[in-house]
Amino acid sequence: MRKAYKGESIDIFAAGVILFVMVAQHPPFSMAVAKDPFYKFIGGGRPDLFWKKMMSNKRAGFFSDDFKNLVQRMLAYKERITMDEILNHPWMNGPVPSKMNLIDEFKTR
């Protein structure tokens, strides 16, 4: 897009992609370009369509509302979340699963 490099904002975007992959087990879009429909949905103001498609092959509640909010804000084209806001976000400060919960979750995936 030939815009000036903004390291922190770009790093937050990249971390949002990585976080999504860690939870969903697949990337949120093929390429971060306007022609990619999933990127267009998540970055262009239609996150409802993005999450509807992402949930099509997942069980209900797979993505928590806090997780969806955090990812949307990390991948937002405009007004991207800051690192301080990430650290104070409810998803980052929510409950942490036990070792047994993690083992059970990975078995179902």
PDB file of N, CA and C in Angstrom:
ATOM      1  N   MET A   1       0.825  -1.199   0.000  1.00  0.00           N
ATOM      2  CA  MET A   1       0.000   0.000   0.000  1.00  0.00           C
ATOM      3  C   MET A   1       0.863   1.255   0.000  1.00  0.00           C
ATOM      4  N   ARG A   2       2.190   1.052   0.015  1.00  0.00           N
ATOM      5  CA  ARG A   2       3.142   2.165  -0.076  1.00  0.00           C
ATOM      6  C   ARG A   2       2.959   3.210   1.030  1.00  0.00           C
ATOM      7  N   LYS A   3       2.671   2.724   2.233  1.00  0.00           N
ATOM      8  CA  LYS A   3       2.548   3.613   3.385  1.00  0.00           C
ATOM      9  C   LYS A   3       3.794   3.463   4.248  1.00  0.00           C
ATOM     10  N   ALA A   4       4.043   4.468   5.058  1.00  0.00           N
ATOM     11  CA  ALA A   4       5.197   4.433   5.955  1.00  0.00           C
ATOM     12  C   ALA A   4       5.090   3.241   6.911  1.00  0.00           C
ATOM     13  N   TYR A   5       6.232   2.638   7.187  1.00  0.00           N
ATOM     14  CA  TYR A   5       6.284   1.498   8.089  1.00  0.00           C
ATOM     15  C   TYR A   5       6.028   1.960   9.516  1.00  0.00           C
ATOM     16  N   LYS A   6       5.063   1.308  10.160  1.00  0.00           N
ATOM     17  CA  LYS A   6       4.743   1.599  11.556  1.00  0.00           C
ATOM     18  C   LYS A   6       4.927   0.298  12.327  1.00  0.00           C
ATOM     19  N   GLY A   7       6.149   0.107  12.831  1.00  0.00           N
ATOM     20  CA  GLY A   7       6.543  -1.159  13.430  1.00  0.00           C
ATOM     21  C   GLY A   7       5.602  -1.727  14.469  1.00  0.00           C
ATOM     22  N   GLU A   8       5.237  -0.942  15.475  1.00  0.00           N
ATOM     23  CA  GLU A   8       4.403  -1.480  16.547  1.00  0.00           C
ATOM     24  C   GLU A   8       3.049  -1.934  16.022  1.00  0.00           C
ATOM     25  N   SER A   9       2.436  -1.135  15.173  1.00  0.00           N
ATOM     26  CA  SER A   9       1.126  -1.479  14.629  1.00  0.00           C
ATOM     27  C   SER A   9       1.199  -2.740  13.766  1.00  0.00           C
ATOM     28  N   ILE A  10       2.254  -2.849  12.967  1.00  0.00           N
ATOM     29  CA  ILE A  10       2.418  -4.026  12.106  1.00  0.00           C
ATOM     30  C   ILE A  10       2.703  -5.264  12.947  1.00  0.00           C
ATOM     31  N   ASP A  11       3.495  -5.106  13.995  1.00  0.00           N
ATOM     32  CA  ASP A  11       3.779  -6.230  14.885  1.00  0.00           C
ATOM     33  C   ASP A  11       2.514  -6.713  15.585  1.00  0.00           C
ATOM     34  N   ILE A  12       1.646  -5.796  15.957  1.00  0.00           N
ATOM     35  CA  ILE A  12       0.378  -6.176  16.597  1.00  0.00           C
ATOM     36  C   ILE A  12      -0.498  -6.929  15.598  1.00  0.00           C
ATOM     37  N   PHE A  13      -0.526  -6.475  14.354  1.00  0.00           N
ATOM     38  CA  PHE A  13      -1.265  -7.185  13.312  1.00  0.00           C
ATOM     39  C   PHE A  13      -0.728  -8.615  13.170  1.00  0.00           C
ATOM     40  N   ALA A  14       0.592  -8.745  13.059  1.00  0.00           N
ATOM     41  CA  ALA A  14       1.214 -10.067  12.911  1.00  0.00           C
ATOM     42  C   ALA A  14       0.916 -10.956  14.119  1.00  0.00           C
ATOM     43  N   ALA A  15       0.979 -10.380  15.317  1.00  0.00           N
ATOM     44  CA  ALA A  15       0.663 -11.149  16.524  1.00  0.00           C
ATOM     45  C   ALA A  15      -0.797 -11.587  16.525  1.00  0.00           C
ATOM     46  N   GLY A  16      -1.695 -10.750  15.987  1.00  0.00           N
ATOM     47  CA  GLY A  16      -3.105 -11.123  15.876  1.00  0.00           C
ATOM     48  C   GLY A  16      -3.298 -12.310  14.953  1.00  0.00           C
ATOM     49  N   VAL A  17      -2.562 -12.329  13.846  1.00  0.00           N
ATOM     50  CA  VAL A  17      -2.626 -13.467  12.926  1.00  0.00           C
ATOM     51  C   VAL A  17      -2.121 -14.723  13.626  1.00  0.00           C
ATOM     52  N   ILE A  18      -0.992 -14.617  14.313  1.00  0.00           N
ATOM     53  CA  ILE A  18      -0.419 -15.766  15.021  1.00  0.00           C
ATOM     54  C   ILE A  18      -1.362 -16.262  16.113  1.00  0.00           C
ATOM     55  N   LEU A  19      -1.939 -15.347  16.873  1.00  0.00           N
ATOM     56  CA  LEU A  19      -2.893 -15.732  17.923  1.00  0.00           C
ATOM     57  C   LEU A  19      -4.076 -16.477  17.317  1.00  0.00           C
ATOM     58  N   PHE A  20      -4.603 -15.959  16.207  1.00  0.00           N
ATOM     59  CA  PHE A  20      -5.729 -16.623  15.556  1.00  0.00           C
ATOM     60  C   PHE A  20      -5.343 -18.040  15.132  1.00  0.00           C
ATOM     61  N   VAL A  21      -4.169 -18.191  14.513  1.00  0.00           N
ATOM     62  CA  VAL A  21      -3.710 -19.516  14.064  1.00  0.00           C
ATOM     63  C   VAL A  21      -3.561 -20.467  15.249  1.00  0.00           C
ATOM     64  N   MET A  22      -3.026 -19.968  16.360  1.00  0.00           N
ATOM     65  CA  MET A  22      -2.842 -20.816  17.540  1.00  0.00           C
ATOM     66  C   MET A  22      -4.170 -21.353  18.056  1.00  0.00           C
ATOM     67  N   VAL A  23      -5.207 -20.553  18.005  1.00  0.00           N
ATOM     68  CA  VAL A  23      -6.509 -20.972  18.525  1.00  0.00           C
ATOM     69  C   VAL A  23      -7.311 -21.740  17.472  1.00  0.00           C
ATOM     70  N   ALA A  24      -7.371 -21.211  16.258  1.00  0.00           N
ATOM     71  CA  ALA A  24      -8.236 -21.793  15.218  1.00  0.00           C
ATOM     72  C   ALA A  24      -7.590 -22.939  14.461  1.00  0.00           C
ATOM     73  N   GLN A  25      -6.270 -23.017  14.461  1.00  0.00           N
ATOM     74  CA  GLN A  25      -5.501 -24.031  13.750  1.00  0.00           C
ATOM     75  C   GLN A  25      -5.486 -23.805  12.237  1.00  0.00           C
ATOM     76  N   HIS A  26      -5.750 -22.598  11.821  1.00  0.00           N
ATOM     77  CA  HIS A  26      -5.640 -22.200  10.417  1.00  0.00           C
ATOM     78  C   HIS A  26      -5.565 -20.681  10.373  1.00  0.00           C
ATOM     79  N   PRO A  27      -5.025 -20.141   9.305  1.00  0.00           N
ATOM     80  CA  PRO A  27      -4.914 -18.676   9.235  1.00  0.00           C
ATOM     81  C   PRO A  27      -6.271 -18.008   9.037  1.00  0.00           C
ATOM     82  N   PRO A  28      -6.371 -16.733   9.413  1.00  0.00           N
ATOM     83  CA  PRO A  28      -7.644 -16.027   9.275  1.00  0.00           C
ATOM     84  C   PRO A  28      -7.970 -15.635   7.838  1.00  0.00           C
ATOM     85  N   PHE A  29      -6.958 -15.573   6.980  1.00  0.00           N
ATOM     86  CA  PHE A  29      -7.153 -15.219   5.568  1.00  0.00           C
ATOM     87  C   PHE A  29      -5.942 -15.703   4.797  1.00  0.00           C
ATOM     88  N   SER A  30      -6.064 -15.721   3.469  1.00  0.00           N
ATOM     89  CA  SER A  30      -4.945 -16.165   2.631  1.00  0.00           C
ATOM     90  C   SER A  30      -3.875 -15.090   2.517  1.00  0.00           C
ATOM     91  N   MET A  31      -4.324 -13.863   2.250  1.00  0.00           N
ATOM     92  CA  MET A  31      -3.401 -12.744   2.108  1.00  0.00           C
ATOM     93  C   MET A  31      -4.045 -11.487   2.674  1.00  0.00           C
ATOM     94  N   ALA A  32      -3.236 -10.614   3.240  1.00  0.00           N
ATOM     95  CA  ALA A  32      -3.754  -9.361   3.790  1.00  0.00           C
ATOM     96  C   ALA A  32      -3.857  -8.317   2.672  1.00  0.00           C
ATOM     97  N   VAL A  33      -4.780  -8.593   1.752  1.00  0.00           N
ATOM     98  CA  VAL A  33      -5.047  -7.683   0.629  1.00  0.00           C
ATOM     99  C   VAL A  33      -6.554  -7.495   0.507  1.00  0.00           C
ATOM    100  N   ALA A  34      -6.942  -6.358  -0.040  1.00  0.00           N
ATOM    101  CA  ALA A  34      -8.374  -6.024  -0.134  1.00  0.00           C
ATOM    102  C   ALA A  34      -9.177  -7.050  -0.919  1.00  0.00           C
ATOM    103  N   LYS A  35      -8.560  -7.782  -1.832  1.00  0.00           N
ATOM    104  CA  LYS A  35      -9.284  -8.766  -2.640  1.00  0.00           C
ATOM    105  C   LYS A  35      -9.585 -10.058  -1.882  1.00  0.00           C
ATOM    106  N   ASP A  36      -8.870 -10.301  -0.797  1.00  0.00           N
ATOM    107  CA  ASP A  36      -9.127 -11.501  -0.001  1.00  0.00           C
ATOM    108  C   ASP A  36     -10.407 -11.267   0.808  1.00  0.00           C
ATOM    109  N   PRO A  37     -11.455 -12.089   0.598  1.00  0.00           N
ATOM    110  CA  PRO A  37     -12.735 -11.828   1.265  1.00  0.00           C
ATOM    111  C   PRO A  37     -12.659 -11.867   2.789  1.00  0.00           C
ATOM    112  N   PHE A  38     -11.870 -12.770   3.347  1.00  0.00           N
ATOM    113  CA  PHE A  38     -11.793 -12.865   4.801  1.00  0.00           C
ATOM    114  C   PHE A  38     -11.063 -11.660   5.380  1.00  0.00           C
ATOM    115  N   TYR A  39     -10.001 -11.234   4.714  1.00  0.00           N
ATOM    116  CA  TYR A  39      -9.293 -10.028   5.163  1.00  0.00           C
ATOM    117  C   TYR A  39     -10.208  -8.822   5.041  1.00  0.00           C
ATOM    118  N   LYS A  40     -10.943  -8.772   3.963  1.00  0.00           N
ATOM    119  CA  LYS A  40     -11.865  -7.654   3.740  1.00  0.00           C
ATOM    120  C   LYS A  40     -12.917  -7.606   4.846  1.00  0.00           C
ATOM    121  N   PHE A  41     -13.438  -8.757   5.240  1.00  0.00           N
ATOM    122  CA  PHE A  41     -14.452  -8.810   6.304  1.00  0.00           C
ATOM    123  C   PHE A  41     -13.872  -8.340   7.639  1.00  0.00           C
ATOM    124  N   ILE A  42     -12.745  -8.925   8.038  1.00  0.00           N
ATOM    125  CA  ILE A  42     -12.210  -8.636   9.372  1.00  0.00           C
ATOM    126  C   ILE A  42     -11.606  -7.236   9.443  1.00  0.00           C
ATOM    127  N   GLY A  43     -10.974  -6.789   8.380  1.00  0.00           N
ATOM    128  CA  GLY A  43     -10.341  -5.482   8.401  1.00  0.00           C
ATOM    129  C   GLY A  43     -11.213  -4.356   7.900  1.00  0.00           C
ATOM    130  N   GLY A  44     -12.306  -4.703   7.246  1.00  0.00           N
ATOM    131  CA  GLY A  44     -13.108  -3.683   6.592  1.00  0.00           C
ATOM    132  C   GLY A  44     -14.481  -3.439   7.176  1.00  0.00           C
ATOM    133  N   GLY A  45     -14.670  -3.785   8.426  1.00  0.00           N
ATOM    134  CA  GLY A  45     -15.924  -3.420   9.073  1.00  0.00           C
ATOM    135  C   GLY A  45     -17.044  -4.439   9.000  1.00  0.00           C
ATOM    136  N   ARG A  46     -16.759  -5.666   8.598  1.00  0.00           N
ATOM    137  CA  ARG A  46     -17.797  -6.709   8.588  1.00  0.00           C
ATOM    138  C   ARG A  46     -17.331  -7.944   9.348  1.00  0.00           C
ATOM    139  N   PRO A  47     -16.900  -7.756  10.602  1.00  0.00           N
ATOM    140  CA  PRO A  47     -16.430  -8.906  11.368  1.00  0.00           C
ATOM    141  C   PRO A  47     -17.520  -9.953  11.597  1.00  0.00           C
ATOM    142  N   ASP A  48     -18.781  -9.534  11.551  1.00  0.00           N
ATOM    143  CA  ASP A  48     -19.875 -10.502  11.720  1.00  0.00           C
ATOM    144  C   ASP A  48     -19.820 -11.579  10.636  1.00  0.00           C
ATOM    145  N   LEU A  49     -19.530 -11.178   9.390  1.00  0.00           N
ATOM    146  CA  LEU A  49     -19.426 -12.150   8.294  1.00  0.00           C
ATOM    147  C   LEU A  49     -18.173 -12.998   8.427  1.00  0.00           C
ATOM    148  N   PHE A  50     -17.092 -12.391   8.885  1.00  0.00           N
ATOM    149  CA  PHE A  50     -15.858 -13.132   9.116  1.00  0.00           C
ATOM    150  C   PHE A  50     -16.095 -14.244  10.129  1.00  0.00           C
ATOM    151  N   TRP A  51     -16.660 -13.902  11.294  1.00  0.00           N
ATOM    152  CA  TRP A  51     -16.851 -14.897  12.356  1.00  0.00           C
ATOM    153  C   TRP A  51     -17.901 -15.923  11.976  1.00  0.00           C
ATOM    154  N   LYS A  52     -18.907 -15.526  11.227  1.00  0.00           N
ATOM    155  CA  LYS A  52     -19.917 -16.490  10.769  1.00  0.00           C
ATOM    156  C   LYS A  52     -19.250 -17.576   9.926  1.00  0.00           C
ATOM    157  N   LYS A  53     -18.381 -17.165   9.016  1.00  0.00           N
ATOM    158  CA  LYS A  53     -17.679 -18.136   8.168  1.00  0.00           C
ATOM    159  C   LYS A  53     -16.702 -18.967   8.989  1.00  0.00           C
ATOM    160  N   MET A  54     -15.991 -18.338   9.912  1.00  0.00           N
ATOM    161  CA  MET A  54     -15.013 -19.066  10.728  1.00  0.00           C
ATOM    162  C   MET A  54     -15.687 -20.096  11.634  1.00  0.00           C
ATOM    163  N   MET A  55     -16.938 -19.840  12.010  1.00  0.00           N
ATOM    164  CA  MET A  55     -17.668 -20.765  12.889  1.00  0.00           C
ATOM    165  C   MET A  55     -18.354 -21.891  12.129  1.00  0.00           C
ATOM    166  N   SER A  56     -18.340 -21.845  10.802  1.00  0.00           N
ATOM    167  CA  SER A  56     -19.112 -22.815  10.018  1.00  0.00           C
ATOM    168  C   SER A  56     -18.709 -24.264  10.273  1.00  0.00           C
ATOM    169  N   ASN A  57     -17.465 -24.507  10.666  1.00  0.00           N
ATOM    170  CA  ASN A  57     -17.052 -25.887  10.929  1.00  0.00           C
ATOM    171  C   ASN A  57     -16.508 -26.076  12.351  1.00  0.00           C
ATOM    172  N   LYS A  58     -16.945 -25.198  13.248  1.00  0.00           N
ATOM    173  CA  LYS A  58     -16.513 -25.296  14.641  1.00  0.00           C
ATOM    174  C   LYS A  58     -17.735 -25.421  15.551  1.00  0.00           C
ATOM    175  N   ARG A  59     -17.513 -25.977  16.722  1.00  0.00           N
ATOM    176  CA  ARG A  59     -18.609 -26.118  17.681  1.00  0.00           C
ATOM    177  C   ARG A  59     -19.003 -24.747  18.240  1.00  0.00           C
ATOM    178  N   ALA A  60     -20.231 -24.634  18.672  1.00  0.00           N
ATOM    179  CA  ALA A  60     -20.727 -23.381  19.251  1.00  0.00           C
ATOM    180  C   ALA A  60     -19.827 -22.968  20.419  1.00  0.00           C
ATOM    181  N   GLY A  61     -19.509 -21.704  20.490  1.00  0.00           N
ATOM    182  CA  GLY A  61     -18.693 -21.191  21.576  1.00  0.00           C
ATOM    183  C   GLY A  61     -17.204 -21.426  21.412  1.00  0.00           C
ATOM    184  N   PHE A  62     -16.772 -21.940  20.261  1.00  0.00           N
ATOM    185  CA  PHE A  62     -15.351 -22.226  20.041  1.00  0.00           C
ATOM    186  C   PHE A  62     -14.513 -20.968  20.254  1.00  0.00           C
ATOM    187  N   PHE A  63     -14.971 -19.849  19.690  1.00  0.00           N
ATOM    188  CA  PHE A  63     -14.304 -18.565  19.892  1.00  0.00           C
ATOM    189  C   PHE A  63     -15.124 -17.766  20.896  1.00  0.00           C
ATOM    190  N   SER A  64     -14.518 -17.383  22.002  1.00  0.00           N
ATOM    191  CA  SER A  64     -15.241 -16.569  22.974  1.00  0.00           C
ATOM    192  C   SER A  64     -15.420 -15.156  22.425  1.00  0.00           C
ATOM    193  N   ASP A  65     -16.389 -14.444  22.965  1.00  0.00           N
ATOM    194  CA  ASP A  65     -16.611 -13.058  22.552  1.00  0.00           C
ATOM    195  C   ASP A  65     -15.381 -12.201  22.836  1.00  0.00           C
ATOM    196  N   ASP A  66     -14.721 -12.436  23.960  1.00  0.00           N
ATOM    197  CA  ASP A  66     -13.515 -11.677  24.284  1.00  0.00           C
ATOM    198  C   ASP A  66     -12.397 -11.964  23.278  1.00  0.00           C
ATOM    199  N   PHE A  67     -12.252 -13.223  22.883  1.00  0.00           N
ATOM    200  CA  PHE A  67     -11.236 -13.577  21.886  1.00  0.00           C
ATOM    201  C   PHE A  67     -11.539 -12.893  20.556  1.00  0.00           C
ATOM    202  N   LYS A  68     -12.777 -12.971  20.125  1.00  0.00           N
ATOM    203  CA  LYS A  68     -13.155 -12.340  18.857  1.00  0.00           C
ATOM    204  C   LYS A  68     -12.894 -10.844  18.896  1.00  0.00           C
ATOM    205  N   ASN A  69     -13.230 -10.197  19.989  1.00  0.00           N
ATOM    206  CA  ASN A  69     -13.004  -8.766  20.120  1.00  0.00           C
ATOM    207  C   ASN A  69     -11.517  -8.441  20.031  1.00  0.00           C
ATOM    208  N   LEU A  70     -10.704  -9.202  20.729  1.00  0.00           N
ATOM    209  CA  LEU A  70      -9.265  -8.952  20.723  1.00  0.00           C
ATOM    210  C   LEU A  70      -8.688  -9.135  19.322  1.00  0.00           C
ATOM    211  N   VAL A  71      -9.008 -10.223  18.665  1.00  0.00           N
ATOM    212  CA  VAL A  71      -8.481 -10.476  17.324  1.00  0.00           C
ATOM    213  C   VAL A  71      -8.945  -9.399  16.352  1.00  0.00           C
ATOM    214  N   GLN A  72     -10.213  -9.056  16.393  1.00  0.00           N
ATOM    215  CA  GLN A  72     -10.726  -7.999  15.518  1.00  0.00           C
ATOM    216  C   GLN A  72      -9.947  -6.713  15.696  1.00  0.00           C
ATOM    217  N   ARG A  73      -9.671  -6.368  16.922  1.00  0.00           N
ATOM    218  CA  ARG A  73      -8.967  -5.115  17.204  1.00  0.00           C
ATOM    219  C   ARG A  73      -7.491  -5.206  16.830  1.00  0.00           C
ATOM    220  N   MET A  74      -6.901  -6.389  16.901  1.00  0.00           N
ATOM    221  CA  MET A  74      -5.506  -6.565  16.500  1.00  0.00           C
ATOM    222  C   MET A  74      -5.357  -6.533  14.977  1.00  0.00           C
ATOM    223  N   LEU A  75      -6.380  -6.985  14.269  1.00  0.00           N
ATOM    224  CA  LEU A  75      -6.323  -7.035  12.807  1.00  0.00           C
ATOM    225  C   LEU A  75      -6.994  -5.843  12.136  1.00  0.00           C
ATOM    226  N   ALA A  76      -7.561  -4.954  12.927  1.00  0.00           N
ATOM    227  CA  ALA A  76      -8.295  -3.810  12.378  1.00  0.00           C
ATOM    228  C   ALA A  76      -7.408  -2.975  11.463  1.00  0.00           C
ATOM    229  N   TYR A  77      -7.987  -2.520  10.376  1.00  0.00           N
ATOM    230  CA  TYR A  77      -7.252  -1.676   9.432  1.00  0.00           C
ATOM    231  C   TYR A  77      -7.065  -0.281  10.002  1.00  0.00           C
ATOM    232  N   LYS A  78      -8.095   0.230  10.615  1.00  0.00           N
ATOM    233  CA  LYS A  78      -8.043   1.550  11.244  1.00  0.00           C
ATOM    234  C   LYS A  78      -8.190   1.363  12.750  1.00  0.00           C
ATOM    235  N   GLU A  79      -7.581   2.248  13.488  1.00  0.00           N
ATOM    236  CA  GLU A  79      -7.708   2.250  14.941  1.00  0.00           C
ATOM    237  C   GLU A  79      -7.352   0.904  15.572  1.00  0.00           C
ATOM    238  N   ARG A  80      -6.182   0.398  15.222  1.00  0.00           N
ATOM    239  CA  ARG A  80      -5.706  -0.868  15.777  1.00  0.00           C
ATOM    240  C   ARG A  80      -5.415  -0.707  17.261  1.00  0.00           C
ATOM    241  N   ILE A  81      -5.666  -1.737  18.019  1.00  0.00           N
ATOM    242  CA  ILE A  81      -5.429  -1.767  19.457  1.00  0.00           C
ATOM    243  C   ILE A  81      -3.934  -1.562  19.749  1.00  0.00           C
ATOM    244  N   THR A  82      -3.629  -0.974  20.887  1.00  0.00           N
ATOM    245  CA  THR A  82      -2.235  -0.776  21.289  1.00  0.00           C
ATOM    246  C   THR A  82      -1.787  -1.933  22.182  1.00  0.00           C
ATOM    247  N   MET A  83      -0.487  -2.010  22.406  1.00  0.00           N
ATOM    248  CA  MET A  83       0.048  -3.066  23.263  1.00  0.00           C
ATOM    249  C   MET A  83      -0.475  -2.933  24.685  1.00  0.00           C
ATOM    250  N   ASP A  84      -0.559  -1.727  25.200  1.00  0.00           N
ATOM    251  CA  ASP A  84      -1.111  -1.531  26.552  1.00  0.00           C
ATOM    252  C   ASP A  84      -2.558  -2.005  26.618  1.00  0.00           C
ATOM    253  N   GLU A  85      -3.338  -1.719  25.581  1.00  0.00           N
ATOM    254  CA  GLU A  85      -4.739  -2.167  25.559  1.00  0.00           C
ATOM    255  C   GLU A  85      -4.824  -3.691  25.474  1.00  0.00           C
ATOM    256  N   ILE A  86      -3.905  -4.306  24.733  1.00  0.00           N
ATOM    257  CA  ILE A  86      -3.881  -5.774  24.655  1.00  0.00           C
ATOM    258  C   ILE A  86      -3.619  -6.359  26.035  1.00  0.00           C
ATOM    259  N   LEU A  87      -2.624  -5.828  26.716  1.00  0.00           N
ATOM    260  CA  LEU A  87      -2.266  -6.348  28.033  1.00  0.00           C
ATOM    261  C   LEU A  87      -3.392  -6.186  29.053  1.00  0.00           C
ATOM    262  N   ASN A  88      -4.258  -5.220  28.842  1.00  0.00           N
ATOM    263  CA  ASN A  88      -5.381  -4.988  29.754  1.00  0.00           C
ATOM    264  C   ASN A  88      -6.703  -5.537  29.225  1.00  0.00           C
ATOM    265  N   HIS A  89      -6.662  -6.211  28.085  1.00  0.00           N
ATOM    266  CA  HIS A  89      -7.891  -6.738  27.471  1.00  0.00           C
ATOM    267  C   HIS A  89      -8.451  -7.895  28.306  1.00  0.00           C
ATOM    268  N   PRO A  90      -9.778  -8.010  28.393  1.00  0.00           N
ATOM    269  CA  PRO A  90     -10.393  -9.092  29.181  1.00  0.00           C
ATOM    270  C   PRO A  90      -9.930 -10.497  28.771  1.00  0.00           C
ATOM    271  N   TRP A  91      -9.691 -10.739  27.476  1.00  0.00           N
ATOM    272  CA  TRP A  91      -9.256 -12.077  27.061  1.00  0.00           C
ATOM    273  C   TRP A  91      -7.879 -12.393  27.641  1.00  0.00           C
ATOM    274  N   MET A  92      -7.004 -11.399  27.676  1.00  0.00           N
ATOM    275  CA  MET A  92      -5.653 -11.604  28.205  1.00  0.00           C
ATOM    276  C   MET A  92      -5.672 -11.794  29.718  1.00  0.00           C
ATOM    277  N   ASN A  93      -6.678 -11.288  30.370  1.00  0.00           N
ATOM    278  CA  ASN A  93      -6.756 -11.358  31.823  1.00  0.00           C
ATOM    279  C   ASN A  93      -7.851 -12.300  32.311  1.00  0.00           C
ATOM    280  N   GLY A  94      -8.357 -13.102  31.410  1.00  0.00           N
ATOM    281  CA  GLY A  94      -9.425 -14.039  31.754  1.00  0.00           C
ATOM    282  C   GLY A  94      -8.896 -15.287  32.438  1.00  0.00           C
ATOM    283  N   PRO A  95      -9.782 -16.237  32.639  1.00  0.00           N
ATOM    284  CA  PRO A  95      -9.376 -17.477  33.313  1.00  0.00           C
ATOM    285  C   PRO A  95      -8.346 -18.250  32.489  1.00  0.00           C
ATOM    286  N   VAL A  96      -7.474 -18.937  33.183  1.00  0.00           N
ATOM    287  CA  VAL A  96      -6.445 -19.753  32.545  1.00  0.00           C
ATOM    288  C   VAL A  96      -6.802 -21.216  32.782  1.00  0.00           C
ATOM    289  N   PRO A  97      -6.823 -22.033  31.730  1.00  0.00           N
ATOM    290  CA  PRO A  97      -7.192 -23.441  31.912  1.00  0.00           C
ATOM    291  C   PRO A  97      -6.120 -24.216  32.677  1.00  0.00           C
ATOM    292  N   SER A  98      -6.576 -25.247  33.325  1.00  0.00           N
ATOM    293  CA  SER A  98      -5.637 -26.127  34.027  1.00  0.00           C
ATOM    294  C   SER A  98      -4.928 -27.021  33.000  1.00  0.00           C
ATOM    295  N   LYS A  99      -3.903 -27.700  33.435  1.00  0.00           N
ATOM    296  CA  LYS A  99      -3.178 -28.620  32.555  1.00  0.00           C
ATOM    297  C   LYS A  99      -4.133 -29.688  32.022  1.00  0.00           C
ATOM    298  N   MET A 100      -5.015 -30.193  32.876  1.00  0.00           N
ATOM    299  CA  MET A 100      -5.966 -31.228  32.449  1.00  0.00           C
ATOM    300  C   MET A 100      -6.955 -30.676  31.423  1.00  0.00           C
ATOM    301  N   ASN A 101      -7.413 -29.436  31.624  1.00  0.00           N
ATOM    302  CA  ASN A 101      -8.300 -28.805  30.648  1.00  0.00           C
ATOM    303  C   ASN A 101      -7.628 -28.707  29.284  1.00  0.00           C
ATOM    304  N   LEU A 102      -6.357 -28.324  29.289  1.00  0.00           N
ATOM    305  CA  LEU A 102      -5.612 -28.218  28.031  1.00  0.00           C
ATOM    306  C   LEU A 102      -5.478 -29.572  27.347  1.00  0.00           C
ATOM    307  N   ILE A 103      -5.145 -30.582  28.106  1.00  0.00           N
ATOM    308  CA  ILE A 103      -5.013 -31.933  27.540  1.00  0.00           C
ATOM    309  C   ILE A 103      -6.337 -32.371  26.924  1.00  0.00           C
ATOM    310  N   ASP A 104      -7.436 -32.174  27.646  1.00  0.00           N
ATOM    311  CA  ASP A 104      -8.760 -32.546  27.137  1.00  0.00           C
ATOM    312  C   ASP A 104      -9.091 -31.780  25.869  1.00  0.00           C
ATOM    313  N   GLU A 105      -8.790 -30.482  25.847  1.00  0.00           N
ATOM    314  CA  GLU A 105      -9.077 -29.651  24.668  1.00  0.00           C
ATOM    315  C   GLU A 105      -8.285 -30.125  23.451  1.00  0.00           C
ATOM    316  N   PHE A 106      -7.019 -30.417  23.646  1.00  0.00           N
ATOM    317  CA  PHE A 106      -6.206 -30.881  22.517  1.00  0.00           C
ATOM    318  C   PHE A 106      -6.673 -32.245  22.016  1.00  0.00           C
ATOM    319  N   LYS A 107      -7.197 -33.068  22.887  1.00  0.00           N
ATOM    320  CA  LYS A 107      -7.729 -34.363  22.451  1.00  0.00           C
ATOM    321  C   LYS A 107      -8.941 -34.180  21.548  1.00  0.00           C
ATOM    322  N   THR A 108      -9.764 -33.169  21.838  1.00  0.00           N
ATOM    323  CA  THR A 108     -10.960 -32.940  21.013  1.00  0.00           C
ATOM    324  C   THR A 108     -10.612 -32.298  19.677  1.00  0.00           C
ATOM    325  N   ARG A 109      -9.461 -31.654  19.606  1.00  0.00           N
ATOM    326  CA  ARG A 109      -9.049 -30.994  18.349  1.00  0.00           C
ATOM    327  C   ARG A 109      -8.305 -31.954  17.466  1.00  0.00           C
TER     328      ARG A 109
END
